[in-house]
Every structure is written in C-alpha cells, then in structure tokens.
C-alpha cells in the first residue's frame, strides 16, 4: 500500500512537506512545496494545491506505482486536486486519516526542514504544540526582515500579525535561561539584552543579545 500525507501546512514558517511511502518495503519519497507558493498572490490562486499534485506524480514515477496498487491519501484540503488526479487517472485509492509509518516520518522530516531554516530545535521539542503561532511569531520578530520571506504570508491571519506595534528597549537579566532568538546562542547570566515586546492577547517578549 502507498500512503500519502502532508506536514507543515499549519505552520506559519516554511513550506509544506508532501510525502509518499510504500508500507511493505519502506520506499519513501519526499518534497517540500516552496514557501513562496504560500505568498498572497500564489495562495489566492491555490498554486500550492497544484504543486502537491506535481509532487505526487513525481513520487509515482520514482516509486513505479501502478494503477492497481492500493493508495491511501490524506483527506486534507491540500490534496483536493491530487485526489481529482487519482480519480481521473483510475488509480486504486481511498482517502482518510494517515497514521504510521508515514505520519511520524513526515512530521520528523518537516521538523528537520524547519530547523534547517533556522528555527530553534527547542521550539519543536518537548512541547505539545511545537508550531504554536505565538512562539513562531517571537522567532519571526527577532529578525523580521530576514524571516518574513520564510513565512506563509498568504494566510489571512498574516495581515493581522505582520505589522504589530513593537516596542524595543534594553534591559539586564541576572539569571538567564534564555536563548537569543536572532543568533541562536545562549544568553549568559548577568547580561545586557535587547528586548522586543509586542502584544497578542497578552504581552510577548523576545530576548536578544544586546548587539544582535
């Protein structure tokens, strides 16, 4: 059986992983829908949905998937065009919730991808909600101009959060368990820091090294 799933469509940062696996053998194919297909213009035209179909076509070519082989594809919206493609081309498919082995593999792949973009690993470890919007926005605002291009700016919510009033000031931390969200290095005890403050429901604080 072939499983097809996505990971990252709910994360503000990064594109979206699309992957297929042959359960019996572990053969695996994975690509990322580029984040620029989630900008305002491309998001409106649903370019990312059609790109997902292109990835699946390439996966089938590499994995030599036949029309008779059972396929289980995620029921999510991102595969709307892909399911139409499978139906039109007479593939043997069903749609539903995708579980292991693919679910864990693709989620881990997406996490490694976001780390490669610069997202701190601790943001996606030891937490129930690794890609919580408020946490991600702290990282984005820590180096705003460089990180906005890594975001899904076509989201409706982006217009709400993209130009928040920001207060920047300097302070000192005596006992620190902070990591600078710009350079990724630890902020030492008894350090002068730059603080970025913005409000979403409640105040959010971003701590940086003084000269970052």
Protein backbone atom coordinates (compact mmCIF):
# COMPACT_ATOMS: atom_id res chain seq x y z
CA UNK A 1 0.00 0.00 0.00
CA UNK A 2 1.05 3.57 -0.75
CA UNK A 3 0.40 6.20 1.94
CA UNK A 4 0.37 9.91 1.01
CA UNK A 5 0.40 12.69 3.59
CA UNK A 6 1.49 16.26 4.26
CA UNK A 7 3.18 18.02 7.16
CA UNK A 8 3.61 21.71 7.89
CA UNK A 9 0.50 23.17 6.28
CA UNK A 10 -0.44 24.60 9.68
CA UNK A 11 2.97 26.13 10.37
CA UNK A 12 3.50 29.81 9.62
CA UNK A 13 7.18 29.16 8.90
CA UNK A 14 8.27 27.14 5.91
CA UNK A 15 6.58 25.43 3.00
CA UNK A 16 4.74 22.13 3.32
CA UNK A 17 6.17 18.63 3.11
CA UNK A 18 4.43 16.15 0.82
CA UNK A 19 5.49 12.52 1.09
CA UNK A 20 4.61 9.03 -0.06
CA UNK A 21 5.70 5.68 1.36
CA UNK A 22 5.26 2.07 0.24
CA UNK A 23 4.33 0.47 3.55
CA UNK A 24 5.55 -3.02 2.73
CA UNK A 25 9.07 -2.02 1.67
CA UNK A 26 9.66 1.40 3.27
CA UNK A 27 10.32 3.05 -0.11
CA UNK A 28 9.91 6.77 0.54
CA UNK A 29 9.60 9.96 -1.48
CA UNK A 30 9.50 13.45 -0.01
CA UNK A 31 9.44 17.01 -1.37
CA UNK A 32 8.63 20.43 0.02
CA UNK A 33 6.15 22.80 -1.57
CA UNK A 34 8.21 26.03 -1.70
CA UNK A 35 7.15 28.68 0.78
CA UNK A 36 6.79 31.29 -1.96
CA UNK A 37 3.76 29.36 -3.23
CA UNK A 38 2.08 30.43 0.00
CA UNK A 39 2.54 34.16 -0.59
CA UNK A 40 -0.52 36.32 -1.08
CA UNK A 41 -0.79 36.03 -4.87
CA UNK A 42 0.01 32.31 -5.12
CA UNK A 43 -2.10 31.39 -2.11
CA UNK A 44 -5.12 33.05 -3.67
CA UNK A 45 -4.64 31.09 -6.91
CA UNK A 46 -4.13 27.81 -4.98
CA UNK A 47 -0.74 27.25 -6.61
CA UNK A 48 0.38 25.11 -3.67
CA UNK A 49 -2.50 22.66 -4.22
CA UNK A 50 -1.48 22.04 -7.83
CA UNK A 51 2.17 21.75 -6.82
CA UNK A 52 1.19 18.98 -4.38
CA UNK A 53 -0.19 17.04 -7.35
CA UNK A 54 3.08 17.56 -9.25
CA UNK A 55 4.98 16.08 -6.30
CA UNK A 56 2.72 13.04 -6.21
CA UNK A 57 3.17 12.49 -9.95
CA UNK A 58 6.96 12.57 -9.48
CA UNK A 59 6.69 10.23 -6.49
CA UNK A 60 4.68 7.73 -8.52
CA UNK A 61 7.25 7.83 -11.31
CA UNK A 62 10.17 7.22 -8.96
CA UNK A 63 8.36 4.53 -6.95
CA UNK A 64 6.76 2.95 -10.04
CA UNK A 65 3.28 2.98 -8.55
CA UNK A 66 0.80 1.01 -10.63
CA UNK A 67 -2.86 1.82 -11.13
CA UNK A 68 -3.79 -1.37 -9.26
CA UNK A 69 -1.69 -0.76 -6.12
CA UNK A 70 -3.82 0.35 -3.13
CA UNK A 71 -3.28 4.03 -2.22
CA UNK A 72 -4.40 5.79 0.94
CA UNK A 73 -4.25 9.58 0.63
CA UNK A 74 -4.86 12.15 3.35
CA UNK A 75 -8.30 13.74 3.29
CA UNK A 76 -6.88 17.24 3.85
CA UNK A 77 -7.70 20.21 1.64
CA UNK A 78 -4.18 20.41 0.25
CA UNK A 79 -4.81 17.17 -1.67
CA UNK A 80 -8.04 18.36 -3.30
CA UNK A 81 -6.50 18.47 -6.79
CA UNK A 82 -4.39 15.37 -6.14
CA UNK A 83 -7.45 13.26 -5.37
CA UNK A 84 -9.08 14.54 -8.57
CA UNK A 85 -5.95 13.48 -10.44
CA UNK A 86 -6.06 9.99 -8.93
CA UNK A 87 -9.73 9.61 -9.78
CA UNK A 88 -9.33 10.91 -13.33
CA UNK A 89 -6.45 8.52 -13.96
CA UNK A 90 -8.19 5.49 -12.46
CA UNK A 91 -5.86 4.86 -9.53
CA UNK A 92 -6.98 2.49 -6.78
CA UNK A 93 -7.23 4.99 -3.92
CA UNK A 94 -9.11 5.76 -0.73
CA UNK A 95 -8.95 8.91 1.37
CA UNK A 96 -8.69 9.09 5.15
CA UNK A 97 -6.54 9.87 8.14
CA UNK A 98 -2.93 8.79 7.64
CA UNK A 99 -1.21 7.07 10.55
CA UNK A 100 2.17 5.36 10.93
CA UNK A 101 4.51 4.58 9.40
CA UNK A 102 4.21 7.73 7.29
CA UNK A 103 2.75 10.09 9.90
CA UNK A 104 5.77 10.00 12.20
CA UNK A 105 8.29 10.01 9.37
CA UNK A 106 6.85 13.04 7.60
CA UNK A 107 6.41 15.01 10.83
CA UNK A 108 10.07 14.37 11.71
CA UNK A 109 11.11 15.41 8.20
CA UNK A 110 9.21 18.67 8.48
CA UNK A 111 10.79 19.40 11.86
CA UNK A 112 14.28 18.88 10.42
CA UNK A 113 13.39 21.11 7.48
CA UNK A 114 12.31 23.97 9.77
CA UNK A 115 15.49 23.57 11.82
CA UNK A 116 17.44 23.96 8.56
CA UNK A 117 15.62 27.29 8.08
CA UNK A 118 16.90 28.44 11.46
CA UNK A 119 14.00 27.64 13.78
CA UNK A 120 15.41 26.69 17.21
CA UNK A 121 15.17 22.96 17.83
CA UNK A 122 13.83 23.60 21.33
CA UNK A 123 10.79 25.25 19.74
CA UNK A 124 9.76 21.89 18.31
CA UNK A 125 10.90 19.63 21.15
CA UNK A 126 9.32 18.79 24.46
CA UNK A 127 6.07 20.59 23.72
CA UNK A 128 2.56 19.53 22.78
CA UNK A 129 2.19 22.35 20.26
CA UNK A 130 5.59 22.66 18.52
CA UNK A 131 4.45 25.16 15.90
CA UNK A 132 2.24 27.34 18.08
CA UNK A 133 1.69 30.66 16.29
CA UNK A 134 2.70 32.91 19.18
CA UNK A 135 6.00 31.07 19.64
CA UNK A 136 6.75 31.22 15.93
CA UNK A 137 5.97 34.95 15.81
CA UNK A 138 8.57 35.57 18.52
CA UNK A 139 11.16 33.95 16.28
CA UNK A 140 9.98 35.92 13.23
CA UNK A 141 10.03 39.27 15.04
CA UNK A 142 13.55 38.58 16.38
CA UNK A 143 14.91 39.11 12.83
CA UNK A 144 11.86 40.36 10.99
CA UNK A 145 13.15 41.42 7.57
CA UNK A 146 15.11 38.20 7.02
CA UNK A 147 12.43 35.85 8.33
CA UNK A 148 9.27 37.20 6.72
CA UNK A 149 10.29 35.57 3.40
CA UNK A 150 10.21 32.22 5.25
CA UNK A 151 6.56 32.70 6.23
CA UNK A 152 3.25 31.76 4.63
CA UNK A 153 2.29 35.37 4.03
CA UNK A 154 -0.82 34.45 2.07
CA UNK A 155 -2.58 33.40 5.26
CA UNK A 156 -5.46 35.67 6.21
CA UNK A 157 -4.10 35.78 9.75
CA UNK A 158 -0.78 37.15 8.47
CA UNK A 159 -2.35 40.53 7.78
CA UNK A 160 -3.36 40.61 11.43
CA UNK A 161 0.05 39.69 12.83
CA UNK A 162 2.51 41.02 10.26
CA UNK A 163 2.66 44.64 11.43
CA UNK A 164 2.12 44.53 15.16
CA UNK A 165 3.19 47.58 17.17
CA UNK A 166 6.63 46.73 18.53
CA UNK A 167 8.48 48.25 21.45
CA UNK A 168 12.25 47.73 21.61
CA UNK A 169 14.27 48.52 24.73
CA UNK A 170 17.31 47.34 26.67
CA UNK A 171 17.39 45.54 29.99
CA UNK A 172 19.56 43.26 32.07
CA UNK A 173 18.93 39.64 33.04
CA UNK A 174 20.58 38.33 36.19
CA UNK A 175 19.72 34.64 35.93
CA UNK A 176 19.12 33.60 32.37
CA UNK A 177 17.58 30.56 30.80
CA UNK A 178 17.07 32.44 27.54
CA UNK A 179 18.40 31.74 24.07
CA UNK A 180 18.89 34.69 21.74
CA UNK A 181 16.22 34.24 19.08
CA UNK A 182 18.34 36.02 16.50
CA UNK A 183 21.71 34.25 16.68
CA UNK A 184 20.55 31.11 18.49
CA UNK A 185 23.23 31.29 21.19
CA UNK A 186 22.58 31.20 24.91
CA UNK A 187 22.20 34.46 26.79
CA UNK A 188 24.53 34.29 29.77
CA UNK A 189 23.68 35.25 33.33
CA UNK A 190 24.16 38.90 34.25
CA UNK A 191 23.85 40.04 30.63
CA UNK A 192 22.58 43.18 28.99
CA UNK A 193 19.86 42.27 26.49
CA UNK A 194 17.72 43.79 23.81
CA UNK A 195 14.02 43.16 24.38
CA UNK A 196 11.32 43.22 21.71
CA UNK A 197 7.80 43.48 23.09
CA UNK A 198 4.54 43.02 21.20
CA UNK A 199 1.02 42.13 22.24
CA UNK A 200 -1.20 39.30 21.01
CA UNK A 201 -3.89 38.79 23.63
CA UNK A 202 -1.12 39.36 26.17
CA UNK A 203 2.41 40.83 26.09
CA UNK A 204 5.06 38.73 24.36
CA UNK A 205 8.77 39.30 24.97
CA UNK A 206 11.68 38.42 22.70
CA UNK A 207 15.17 38.42 24.24
CA UNK A 208 18.28 39.04 22.15
CA UNK A 209 21.91 39.71 22.87
CA UNK A 210 22.46 43.43 23.23
CA UNK A 211 24.29 43.73 19.90
CA UNK A 212 22.24 41.19 17.90
